[in-house]
């Protein structure tokens, strides 16, 4: 389940995984992608 969430965030929000990233930066990146994700969804539905 975590992998599918990561895949969705990487595809929609263009989050990139960097091997040498520390945990704090990874958590902030994940949080910002999670916050931005609903905005991408509402934007894609408005285009239909």
PDB file of N, CA and C in Angstrom:
ATOM      1  N   UNK A   1       0.820  -1.189   0.000  1.00  0.00           N
ATOM      2  CA  UNK A   1       0.000   0.000   0.000  1.00  0.00           C
ATOM      3  C   UNK A   1       0.870   1.261   0.000  1.00  0.00           C
ATOM      4  N   UNK A   2       1.947   1.233   0.765  1.00  0.00           N
ATOM      5  CA  UNK A   2       2.831   2.402   0.814  1.00  0.00           C
ATOM      6  C   UNK A   2       3.460   2.648  -0.550  1.00  0.00           C
ATOM      7  N   UNK A   3       3.832   1.579  -1.235  1.00  0.00           N
ATOM      8  CA  UNK A   3       4.430   1.733  -2.560  1.00  0.00           C
ATOM      9  C   UNK A   3       3.439   2.342  -3.543  1.00  0.00           C
ATOM     10  N   UNK A   4       2.178   1.954  -3.477  1.00  0.00           N
ATOM     11  CA  UNK A   4       1.193   2.519  -4.401  1.00  0.00           C
ATOM     12  C   UNK A   4       0.962   4.002  -4.119  1.00  0.00           C
ATOM     13  N   UNK A   5       0.969   4.391  -2.845  1.00  0.00           N
ATOM     14  CA  UNK A   5       0.843   5.813  -2.503  1.00  0.00           C
ATOM     15  C   UNK A   5       2.057   6.572  -3.006  1.00  0.00           C
ATOM     16  N   UNK A   6       3.243   6.011  -2.813  1.00  0.00           N
ATOM     17  CA  UNK A   6       4.457   6.663  -3.313  1.00  0.00           C
ATOM     18  C   UNK A   6       4.424   6.801  -4.827  1.00  0.00           C
ATOM     19  N   UNK A   7       3.960   5.773  -5.525  1.00  0.00           N
ATOM     20  CA  UNK A   7       3.874   5.840  -6.981  1.00  0.00           C
ATOM     21  C   UNK A   7       2.916   6.935  -7.428  1.00  0.00           C
ATOM     22  N   UNK A   8       1.758   7.031  -6.778  1.00  0.00           N
ATOM     23  CA  UNK A   8       0.796   8.071  -7.136  1.00  0.00           C
ATOM     24  C   UNK A   8       1.371   9.462  -6.894  1.00  0.00           C
ATOM     25  N   UNK A   9       2.015   9.649  -5.753  1.00  0.00           N
ATOM     26  CA  UNK A   9       2.597  10.955  -5.460  1.00  0.00           C
ATOM     27  C   UNK A   9       3.718  11.299  -6.431  1.00  0.00           C
ATOM     28  N   UNK A  10       4.524  10.304  -6.797  1.00  0.00           N
ATOM     29  CA  UNK A  10       5.606  10.566  -7.748  1.00  0.00           C
ATOM     30  C   UNK A  10       5.041  10.928  -9.113  1.00  0.00           C
ATOM     31  N   UNK A  11       3.970  10.260  -9.529  1.00  0.00           N
ATOM     32  CA  UNK A  11       3.406  10.521 -10.848  1.00  0.00           C
ATOM     33  C   UNK A  11       2.665  11.852 -10.903  1.00  0.00           C
ATOM     34  N   UNK A  12       1.819  12.124  -9.924  1.00  0.00           N
ATOM     35  CA  UNK A  12       1.010  13.336  -9.960  1.00  0.00           C
ATOM     36  C   UNK A  12       1.786  14.570  -9.528  1.00  0.00           C
ATOM     37  N   UNK A  13       2.523  14.466  -8.457  1.00  0.00           N
ATOM     38  CA  UNK A  13       3.168  15.642  -7.859  1.00  0.00           C
ATOM     39  C   UNK A  13       4.632  15.762  -8.226  1.00  0.00           C
ATOM     40  N   UNK A  14       5.124  14.844  -9.012  1.00  0.00           N
ATOM     41  CA  UNK A  14       6.502  14.841  -9.484  1.00  0.00           C
ATOM     42  C   UNK A  14       7.497  14.851  -8.335  1.00  0.00           C
ATOM     43  N   UNK A  15       7.205  14.043  -7.304  1.00  0.00           N
ATOM     44  CA  UNK A  15       8.141  13.865  -6.197  1.00  0.00           C
ATOM     45  C   UNK A  15       9.221  12.898  -6.649  1.00  0.00           C
ATOM     46  N   UNK A  16      10.453  13.244  -6.419  1.00  0.00           N
ATOM     47  CA  UNK A  16      11.560  12.393  -6.810  1.00  0.00           C
ATOM     48  C   UNK A  16      12.204  11.784  -5.580  1.00  0.00           C
ATOM     49  N   UNK A  17      12.578  10.526  -5.698  1.00  0.00           N
ATOM     50  CA  UNK A  17      13.255   9.842  -4.601  1.00  0.00           C
ATOM     51  C   UNK A  17      14.753   9.941  -4.823  1.00  0.00           C
ATOM     52  N   UNK A  18      15.435  10.474  -3.847  1.00  0.00           N
ATOM     53  CA  UNK A  18      16.892  10.577  -3.895  1.00  0.00           C
ATOM     54  C   UNK A  18      17.444   9.686  -2.796  1.00  0.00           C
ATOM     55  N   UNK A  19      18.380   8.829  -3.139  1.00  0.00           N
ATOM     56  CA  UNK A  19      18.898   7.841  -2.199  1.00  0.00           C
ATOM     57  C   UNK A  19      19.567   8.507  -1.000  1.00  0.00           C
ATOM     58  N   UNK A  20      20.266   9.597  -1.208  1.00  0.00           N
ATOM     59  CA  UNK A  20      21.048  10.210  -0.136  1.00  0.00           C
ATOM     60  C   UNK A  20      20.273  11.266   0.646  1.00  0.00           C
ATOM     61  N   UNK A  21      18.967  11.296   0.507  1.00  0.00           N
ATOM     62  CA  UNK A  21      18.153  12.268   1.231  1.00  0.00           C
ATOM     63  C   UNK A  21      17.981  11.806   2.675  1.00  0.00           C
ATOM     64  N   UNK A  22      18.092  12.723   3.616  1.00  0.00           N
ATOM     65  CA  UNK A  22      17.883  12.332   5.004  1.00  0.00           C
ATOM     66  C   UNK A  22      16.386  12.224   5.298  1.00  0.00           C
ATOM     67  N   UNK A  23      16.058  11.688   6.447  1.00  0.00           N
ATOM     68  CA  UNK A  23      14.662  11.391   6.770  1.00  0.00           C
ATOM     69  C   UNK A  23      13.811  12.654   6.842  1.00  0.00           C
ATOM     70  N   UNK A  24      14.338  13.726   7.429  1.00  0.00           N
ATOM     71  CA  UNK A  24      13.566  14.960   7.568  1.00  0.00           C
ATOM     72  C   UNK A  24      13.182  15.528   6.204  1.00  0.00           C
ATOM     73  N   UNK A  25      14.120  15.580   5.280  1.00  0.00           N
ATOM     74  CA  UNK A  25      13.822  16.089   3.939  1.00  0.00           C
ATOM     75  C   UNK A  25      12.829  15.192   3.217  1.00  0.00           C
ATOM     76  N   UNK A  26      12.951  13.880   3.401  1.00  0.00           N
ATOM     77  CA  UNK A  26      12.006  12.952   2.792  1.00  0.00           C
ATOM     78  C   UNK A  26      10.602  13.189   3.335  1.00  0.00           C
ATOM     79  N   UNK A  27      10.490  13.383   4.656  1.00  0.00           N
ATOM     80  CA  UNK A  27       9.182  13.590   5.276  1.00  0.00           C
ATOM     81  C   UNK A  27       8.551  14.900   4.804  1.00  0.00           C
ATOM     82  N   UNK A  28       9.336  15.954   4.688  1.00  0.00           N
ATOM     83  CA  UNK A  28       8.814  17.236   4.200  1.00  0.00           C
ATOM     84  C   UNK A  28       8.374  17.108   2.746  1.00  0.00           C
ATOM     85  N   UNK A  29       9.143  16.399   1.945  1.00  0.00           N
ATOM     86  CA  UNK A  29       8.799  16.193   0.545  1.00  0.00           C
ATOM     87  C   UNK A  29       7.504  15.400   0.422  1.00  0.00           C
ATOM     88  N   UNK A  30       7.357  14.364   1.235  1.00  0.00           N
ATOM     89  CA  UNK A  30       6.140  13.562   1.222  1.00  0.00           C
ATOM     90  C   UNK A  30       4.946  14.378   1.699  1.00  0.00           C
ATOM     91  N   UNK A  31       5.127  15.170   2.730  1.00  0.00           N
ATOM     92  CA  UNK A  31       4.048  16.004   3.249  1.00  0.00           C
ATOM     93  C   UNK A  31       3.604  17.039   2.220  1.00  0.00           C
ATOM     94  N   UNK A  32       4.545  17.680   1.573  1.00  0.00           N
ATOM     95  CA  UNK A  32       4.180  18.689   0.577  1.00  0.00           C
ATOM     96  C   UNK A  32       3.479  18.058  -0.622  1.00  0.00           C
ATOM     97  N   UNK A  33       3.909  16.872  -1.019  1.00  0.00           N
ATOM     98  CA  UNK A  33       3.217  16.174  -2.097  1.00  0.00           C
ATOM     99  C   UNK A  33       1.825  15.743  -1.700  1.00  0.00           C
ATOM    100  N   UNK A  34       1.658  15.331  -0.447  1.00  0.00           N
ATOM    101  CA  UNK A  34       0.339  14.927   0.038  1.00  0.00           C
ATOM    102  C   UNK A  34      -0.615  16.114   0.106  1.00  0.00           C
ATOM    103  N   UNK A  35      -0.099  17.272   0.451  1.00  0.00           N
ATOM    104  CA  UNK A  35      -0.934  18.468   0.495  1.00  0.00           C
ATOM    105  C   UNK A  35      -1.308  18.908  -0.915  1.00  0.00           C
ATOM    106  N   UNK A  36      -0.390  18.795  -1.864  1.00  0.00           N
ATOM    107  CA  UNK A  36      -0.646  19.242  -3.230  1.00  0.00           C
ATOM    108  C   UNK A  36      -1.510  18.268  -4.018  1.00  0.00           C
ATOM    109  N   UNK A  37      -1.552  17.021  -3.616  1.00  0.00           N
ATOM    110  CA  UNK A  37      -2.253  15.981  -4.373  1.00  0.00           C
ATOM    111  C   UNK A  37      -3.725  16.306  -4.619  1.00  0.00           C
ATOM    112  N   UNK A  38      -4.511  16.736  -3.629  1.00  0.00           N
ATOM    113  CA  UNK A  38      -5.930  17.053  -3.906  1.00  0.00           C
ATOM    114  C   UNK A  38      -6.105  18.190  -4.904  1.00  0.00           C
ATOM    115  N   UNK A  39      -5.179  19.131  -4.941  1.00  0.00           N
ATOM    116  CA  UNK A  39      -5.277  20.216  -5.900  1.00  0.00           C
ATOM    117  C   UNK A  39      -5.073  19.716  -7.324  1.00  0.00           C
ATOM    118  N   UNK A  40      -4.181  18.751  -7.507  1.00  0.00           N
ATOM    119  CA  UNK A  40      -3.991  18.161  -8.823  1.00  0.00           C
ATOM    120  C   UNK A  40      -5.226  17.383  -9.246  1.00  0.00           C
ATOM    121  N   UNK A  41      -5.859  16.687  -8.315  1.00  0.00           N
ATOM    122  CA  UNK A  41      -7.070  15.935  -8.638  1.00  0.00           C
ATOM    123  C   UNK A  41      -8.204  16.866  -9.029  1.00  0.00           C
ATOM    124  N   UNK A  42      -8.427  17.932  -8.282  1.00  0.00           N
ATOM    125  CA  UNK A  42      -9.519  18.846  -8.605  1.00  0.00           C
ATOM    126  C   UNK A  42      -9.255  19.545  -9.932  1.00  0.00           C
ATOM    127  N   UNK A  43      -8.005  19.811 -10.240  1.00  0.00           N
ATOM    128  CA  UNK A  43      -7.663  20.438 -11.509  1.00  0.00           C
ATOM    129  C   UNK A  43      -7.928  19.488 -12.669  1.00  0.00           C
ATOM    130  N   UNK A  44      -7.610  18.214 -12.498  1.00  0.00           N
ATOM    131  CA  UNK A  44      -7.825  17.256 -13.580  1.00  0.00           C
ATOM    132  C   UNK A  44      -9.308  16.996 -13.799  1.00  0.00           C
ATOM    133  N   UNK A  45     -10.119  17.033 -12.734  1.00  0.00           N
ATOM    134  CA  UNK A  45     -11.560  16.847 -12.896  1.00  0.00           C
ATOM    135  C   UNK A  45     -12.208  18.062 -13.546  1.00  0.00           C
ATOM    136  N   UNK A  46     -11.682  19.237 -13.321  1.00  0.00           N
ATOM    137  CA  UNK A  46     -12.264  20.432 -13.926  1.00  0.00           C
ATOM    138  C   UNK A  46     -11.976  20.494 -15.422  1.00  0.00           C
ATOM    139  N   UNK A  47     -10.950  19.780 -15.888  1.00  0.00           N
ATOM    140  CA  UNK A  47     -10.623  19.760 -17.309  1.00  0.00           C
ATOM    141  C   UNK A  47     -11.541  18.831 -18.093  1.00  0.00           C
ATOM    142  N   UNK A  48     -12.230  17.928 -17.416  1.00  0.00           N
ATOM    143  CA  UNK A  48     -13.079  16.954 -18.110  1.00  0.00           C
ATOM    144  C   UNK A  48     -14.360  17.562 -18.572  1.00  0.00           C
TER     145      UNK A  48
END
